[in-house]
Amino acid sequence: MAIETHQARGRVHDGDTDTMHDAVHKGWRRDLAEGRSSVLAADDRRAVAVPNDRAREDRIQAGAADPGRSAGPAEGVSASVGDVVITRRNAVAGSTSARERSSVA
């Protein structure tokens, strides 16, 4: 199973909410600095809201995203030209999903 693979490679972590938000943000920044892709997986939108907001603010400050032109692809989320988003289409049964990674243009 996928979870065992991630655990064996040291990719699964736990902690209190603030600690995990900090760890996710640091990991995301490290991945990008090393030229790697980085994806945050969590069980609900609230769990990713703070790290996403921090990442978006970093990208805006670096000039990689334009906050002047933004749209709300999902409830409580903004995306601008230059942002990278991963979309999800849940299956009718809710047990599987299709994901697509795109850049906002």
N, C-alpha and C. Protein backbone atom coordinates (compact mmCIF):
# COMPACT_ATOMS: atom_id res chain seq x y z
N MET A 1 0.83 -1.18 0.00
CA MET A 1 0.00 0.00 0.00
C MET A 1 0.88 1.25 0.00
N ALA A 2 0.30 2.33 -0.49
CA ALA A 2 1.06 3.58 -0.61
C ALA A 2 1.50 4.12 0.74
N ILE A 3 0.65 4.04 1.75
CA ILE A 3 1.00 4.62 3.04
C ILE A 3 2.24 3.96 3.64
N GLU A 4 2.36 2.65 3.49
CA GLU A 4 3.54 1.96 4.01
C GLU A 4 4.81 2.41 3.30
N THR A 5 4.71 2.64 2.01
CA THR A 5 5.86 3.11 1.24
C THR A 5 6.29 4.48 1.74
N HIS A 6 5.32 5.37 1.93
CA HIS A 6 5.63 6.72 2.42
C HIS A 6 6.21 6.66 3.84
N GLN A 7 5.66 5.82 4.69
CA GLN A 7 6.19 5.69 6.04
C GLN A 7 7.62 5.17 6.02
N ALA A 8 7.89 4.16 5.20
CA ALA A 8 9.23 3.58 5.11
C ALA A 8 10.26 4.60 4.64
N ARG A 9 9.83 5.57 3.85
CA ARG A 9 10.73 6.60 3.32
C ARG A 9 10.75 7.86 4.18
N GLY A 10 10.12 7.80 5.34
CA GLY A 10 10.14 8.94 6.26
C GLY A 10 9.31 10.12 5.81
N ARG A 11 8.27 9.87 5.02
CA ARG A 11 7.45 10.95 4.48
C ARG A 11 6.18 11.22 5.27
N VAL A 12 5.89 10.44 6.27
CA VAL A 12 4.68 10.63 7.06
C VAL A 12 5.09 11.16 8.43
N HIS A 13 4.48 12.27 8.82
CA HIS A 13 4.83 12.93 10.07
C HIS A 13 3.57 13.28 10.83
N ASP A 14 3.70 13.48 12.13
CA ASP A 14 2.56 13.93 12.91
C ASP A 14 3.02 14.95 13.92
N GLY A 15 2.06 15.67 14.47
CA GLY A 15 2.35 16.69 15.46
C GLY A 15 1.16 17.59 15.64
N ASP A 16 1.30 18.60 16.50
CA ASP A 16 0.19 19.53 16.67
C ASP A 16 0.05 20.39 15.41
N THR A 17 -1.07 21.05 15.28
CA THR A 17 -1.41 21.77 14.05
C THR A 17 -0.35 22.81 13.67
N ASP A 18 0.05 23.66 14.60
CA ASP A 18 1.02 24.70 14.28
C ASP A 18 2.37 24.12 13.85
N THR A 19 2.81 23.08 14.54
CA THR A 19 4.07 22.43 14.19
C THR A 19 4.00 21.83 12.79
N MET A 20 2.88 21.21 12.47
CA MET A 20 2.72 20.60 11.14
C MET A 20 2.64 21.66 10.05
N HIS A 21 1.95 22.77 10.31
CA HIS A 21 1.91 23.86 9.32
C HIS A 21 3.31 24.36 9.04
N ASP A 22 4.11 24.57 10.08
CA ASP A 22 5.49 25.02 9.89
C ASP A 22 6.32 24.00 9.13
N ALA A 23 6.18 22.73 9.49
CA ALA A 23 6.96 21.67 8.82
C ALA A 23 6.60 21.56 7.34
N VAL A 24 5.31 21.64 7.05
CA VAL A 24 4.87 21.56 5.65
C VAL A 24 5.41 22.74 4.86
N HIS A 25 5.34 23.92 5.42
CA HIS A 25 5.82 25.11 4.72
C HIS A 25 7.32 25.03 4.46
N LYS A 26 8.07 24.63 5.47
CA LYS A 26 9.53 24.49 5.31
C LYS A 26 9.86 23.43 4.27
N GLY A 27 9.14 22.31 4.30
CA GLY A 27 9.38 21.24 3.33
C GLY A 27 9.07 21.69 1.91
N TRP A 28 7.98 22.41 1.74
CA TRP A 28 7.59 22.93 0.43
C TRP A 28 8.67 23.87 -0.11
N ARG A 29 9.12 24.79 0.75
CA ARG A 29 10.16 25.74 0.31
C ARG A 29 11.45 25.01 -0.05
N ARG A 30 11.82 24.02 0.76
CA ARG A 30 13.04 23.24 0.48
C ARG A 30 12.91 22.50 -0.85
N ASP A 31 11.77 21.86 -1.06
CA ASP A 31 11.56 21.14 -2.32
C ASP A 31 11.70 22.07 -3.52
N LEU A 32 11.05 23.22 -3.47
CA LEU A 32 11.14 24.16 -4.60
C LEU A 32 12.56 24.66 -4.80
N ALA A 33 13.26 24.95 -3.72
CA ALA A 33 14.64 25.42 -3.83
C ALA A 33 15.54 24.38 -4.47
N GLU A 34 15.20 23.10 -4.28
CA GLU A 34 15.97 22.00 -4.86
C GLU A 34 15.45 21.58 -6.22
N GLY A 35 14.47 22.33 -6.76
CA GLY A 35 13.94 22.04 -8.09
C GLY A 35 12.98 20.87 -8.15
N ARG A 36 12.41 20.51 -7.01
CA ARG A 36 11.48 19.38 -6.97
C ARG A 36 10.05 19.87 -6.89
N SER A 37 9.12 19.01 -7.30
CA SER A 37 7.71 19.28 -7.10
C SER A 37 7.36 18.93 -5.66
N SER A 38 6.33 19.59 -5.14
CA SER A 38 5.94 19.35 -3.77
C SER A 38 4.42 19.39 -3.67
N VAL A 39 3.85 18.37 -3.04
CA VAL A 39 2.41 18.28 -2.90
C VAL A 39 2.07 18.01 -1.44
N LEU A 40 1.11 18.74 -0.92
CA LEU A 40 0.62 18.52 0.44
C LEU A 40 -0.64 17.69 0.36
N ALA A 41 -0.66 16.60 1.07
CA ALA A 41 -1.86 15.76 1.14
C ALA A 41 -2.42 15.85 2.55
N ALA A 42 -3.72 16.07 2.64
CA ALA A 42 -4.38 16.15 3.95
C ALA A 42 -5.80 15.65 3.80
N ASP A 43 -6.45 15.47 4.93
CA ASP A 43 -7.78 14.87 4.89
C ASP A 43 -8.92 15.84 4.59
N ASP A 44 -8.67 17.15 4.68
CA ASP A 44 -9.74 18.10 4.34
C ASP A 44 -9.15 19.45 3.96
N ARG A 45 -9.98 20.33 3.43
CA ARG A 45 -9.53 21.64 2.97
C ARG A 45 -8.99 22.50 4.09
N ARG A 46 -9.61 22.41 5.26
CA ARG A 46 -9.13 23.22 6.39
C ARG A 46 -7.70 22.88 6.75
N ALA A 47 -7.32 21.62 6.63
CA ALA A 47 -5.98 21.19 7.00
C ALA A 47 -4.91 21.76 6.07
N VAL A 48 -5.29 22.12 4.86
CA VAL A 48 -4.30 22.67 3.92
C VAL A 48 -4.42 24.18 3.74
N ALA A 49 -5.43 24.80 4.33
CA ALA A 49 -5.67 26.22 4.11
C ALA A 49 -4.48 27.08 4.56
N VAL A 50 -3.97 26.88 5.76
CA VAL A 50 -2.87 27.71 6.26
C VAL A 50 -1.60 27.50 5.44
N PRO A 51 -1.16 26.26 5.20
CA PRO A 51 0.04 26.09 4.37
C PRO A 51 -0.14 26.65 2.95
N ASN A 52 -1.32 26.48 2.37
CA ASN A 52 -1.57 27.04 1.04
C ASN A 52 -1.47 28.55 1.05
N ASP A 53 -2.07 29.18 2.06
CA ASP A 53 -2.01 30.64 2.16
C ASP A 53 -0.57 31.12 2.32
N ARG A 54 0.21 30.42 3.13
CA ARG A 54 1.62 30.80 3.32
C ARG A 54 2.41 30.64 2.04
N ALA A 55 2.17 29.53 1.33
CA ALA A 55 2.87 29.29 0.07
C ALA A 55 2.49 30.35 -0.96
N ARG A 56 1.22 30.67 -1.04
CA ARG A 56 0.76 31.70 -1.98
C ARG A 56 1.40 33.04 -1.66
N GLU A 57 1.45 33.41 -0.39
CA GLU A 57 2.07 34.68 -0.01
C GLU A 57 3.56 34.68 -0.38
N ASP A 58 4.26 33.57 -0.19
CA ASP A 58 5.66 33.47 -0.60
C ASP A 58 5.80 33.70 -2.10
N ARG A 59 4.92 33.08 -2.88
CA ARG A 59 4.98 33.20 -4.34
C ARG A 59 4.67 34.64 -4.77
N ILE A 60 3.73 35.29 -4.10
CA ILE A 60 3.41 36.68 -4.41
C ILE A 60 4.61 37.58 -4.09
N GLN A 61 5.20 37.39 -2.91
CA GLN A 61 6.35 38.20 -2.50
C GLN A 61 7.54 38.01 -3.44
N ALA A 62 7.68 36.81 -3.99
CA ALA A 62 8.79 36.51 -4.91
C ALA A 62 8.49 36.96 -6.34
N GLY A 63 7.28 37.46 -6.57
CA GLY A 63 6.90 37.89 -7.92
C GLY A 63 6.50 36.75 -8.83
N ALA A 64 6.29 35.57 -8.27
CA ALA A 64 5.93 34.39 -9.07
C ALA A 64 4.43 34.26 -9.29
N ALA A 65 3.63 35.03 -8.55
CA ALA A 65 2.18 35.04 -8.72
C ALA A 65 1.70 36.48 -8.63
N ASP A 66 0.67 36.81 -9.38
CA ASP A 66 0.15 38.17 -9.47
C ASP A 66 -1.15 38.28 -8.69
N PRO A 67 -1.12 38.91 -7.49
CA PRO A 67 -2.34 38.98 -6.69
C PRO A 67 -3.40 39.90 -7.27
N GLY A 68 -3.03 40.74 -8.23
CA GLY A 68 -3.97 41.67 -8.83
C GLY A 68 -5.01 40.99 -9.70
N ARG A 69 -4.69 39.84 -10.20
CA ARG A 69 -5.62 39.09 -11.05
C ARG A 69 -5.80 37.72 -10.42
N SER A 70 -6.87 37.54 -9.68
CA SER A 70 -7.08 36.26 -9.02
C SER A 70 -8.51 35.80 -9.19
N ALA A 71 -8.70 34.53 -8.98
CA ALA A 71 -10.02 33.91 -9.06
C ALA A 71 -10.13 32.92 -7.91
N GLY A 72 -11.33 32.53 -7.58
CA GLY A 72 -11.56 31.58 -6.50
C GLY A 72 -11.99 30.24 -7.06
N PRO A 73 -11.04 29.34 -7.35
CA PRO A 73 -11.40 28.04 -7.91
C PRO A 73 -12.14 27.14 -6.94
N ALA A 74 -12.04 27.43 -5.66
CA ALA A 74 -12.73 26.62 -4.64
C ALA A 74 -13.08 27.53 -3.47
N GLU A 75 -13.96 27.09 -2.64
CA GLU A 75 -14.40 27.87 -1.50
C GLU A 75 -13.22 28.29 -0.62
N GLY A 76 -13.07 29.61 -0.44
CA GLY A 76 -12.04 30.13 0.44
C GLY A 76 -10.63 30.09 -0.14
N VAL A 77 -10.48 29.81 -1.42
CA VAL A 77 -9.17 29.68 -2.05
C VAL A 77 -9.06 30.71 -3.18
N SER A 78 -7.89 31.32 -3.32
CA SER A 78 -7.63 32.22 -4.44
C SER A 78 -6.48 31.67 -5.25
N ALA A 79 -6.52 31.91 -6.54
CA ALA A 79 -5.43 31.53 -7.43
C ALA A 79 -5.20 32.68 -8.39
N SER A 80 -3.94 32.95 -8.67
CA SER A 80 -3.56 34.03 -9.56
C SER A 80 -2.71 33.50 -10.69
N VAL A 81 -2.52 34.37 -11.69
CA VAL A 81 -1.61 34.04 -12.78
C VAL A 81 -0.27 33.67 -12.16
N GLY A 82 0.26 32.51 -12.53
CA GLY A 82 1.54 32.03 -12.00
C GLY A 82 1.40 30.98 -10.92
N ASP A 83 0.23 30.90 -10.29
CA ASP A 83 0.02 29.88 -9.26
C ASP A 83 -0.09 28.49 -9.88
N VAL A 84 0.27 27.49 -9.11
CA VAL A 84 0.11 26.10 -9.52
C VAL A 84 -1.01 25.51 -8.68
N VAL A 85 -1.96 24.85 -9.33
CA VAL A 85 -3.08 24.26 -8.61
C VAL A 85 -3.22 22.79 -8.99
N ILE A 86 -3.73 22.02 -8.08
CA ILE A 86 -4.07 20.63 -8.36
C ILE A 86 -5.57 20.52 -8.16
N THR A 87 -6.24 20.09 -9.21
CA THR A 87 -7.69 19.95 -9.14
C THR A 87 -8.06 18.52 -8.83
N ARG A 88 -9.26 18.36 -8.31
CA ARG A 88 -9.73 17.02 -7.94
C ARG A 88 -11.16 16.87 -8.43
N ARG A 89 -11.43 15.75 -9.01
CA ARG A 89 -12.79 15.41 -9.39
C ARG A 89 -13.13 14.13 -8.66
N ASN A 90 -14.00 14.21 -7.68
CA ASN A 90 -14.37 13.03 -6.91
C ASN A 90 -15.27 12.12 -7.73
N ALA A 91 -15.06 10.83 -7.59
CA ALA A 91 -15.92 9.85 -8.24
C ALA A 91 -17.28 9.86 -7.54
N VAL A 92 -18.28 9.38 -8.24
CA VAL A 92 -19.63 9.36 -7.68
C VAL A 92 -19.67 8.64 -6.34
N ALA A 93 -18.97 7.52 -6.24
CA ALA A 93 -18.96 6.75 -5.01
C ALA A 93 -18.10 7.41 -3.93
N GLY A 94 -17.29 8.40 -4.32
CA GLY A 94 -16.46 9.10 -3.36
C GLY A 94 -15.21 8.36 -2.95
N SER A 95 -14.92 7.25 -3.59
CA SER A 95 -13.77 6.45 -3.17
C SER A 95 -12.53 6.70 -4.00
N THR A 96 -12.67 7.32 -5.15
CA THR A 96 -11.51 7.59 -5.99
C THR A 96 -11.63 9.01 -6.52
N SER A 97 -10.53 9.53 -7.04
CA SER A 97 -10.56 10.85 -7.63
C SER A 97 -9.54 10.93 -8.74
N ALA A 98 -9.77 11.86 -9.65
CA ALA A 98 -8.82 12.14 -10.70
C ALA A 98 -8.17 13.47 -10.39
N ARG A 99 -6.88 13.57 -10.50
CA ARG A 99 -6.19 14.81 -10.17
C ARG A 99 -5.43 15.33 -11.38
N GLU A 100 -5.38 16.64 -11.49
CA GLU A 100 -4.67 17.27 -12.58
C GLU A 100 -3.91 18.46 -12.05
N ARG A 101 -2.64 18.58 -12.43
CA ARG A 101 -1.79 19.69 -11.98
C ARG A 101 -1.71 20.68 -13.12
N SER A 102 -1.98 21.96 -12.83
CA SER A 102 -2.01 23.00 -13.85
C SER A 102 -1.39 24.28 -13.32
N SER A 103 -0.96 25.12 -14.24
CA SER A 103 -0.51 26.47 -13.89
C SER A 103 -1.59 27.44 -14.33
N VAL A 104 -1.86 28.44 -13.51
CA VAL A 104 -2.83 29.46 -13.86
C VAL A 104 -2.19 30.43 -14.83
N ALA A 105 -2.84 30.65 -15.95
CA ALA A 105 -2.30 31.56 -16.98
C ALA A 105 -3.24 32.71 -17.21
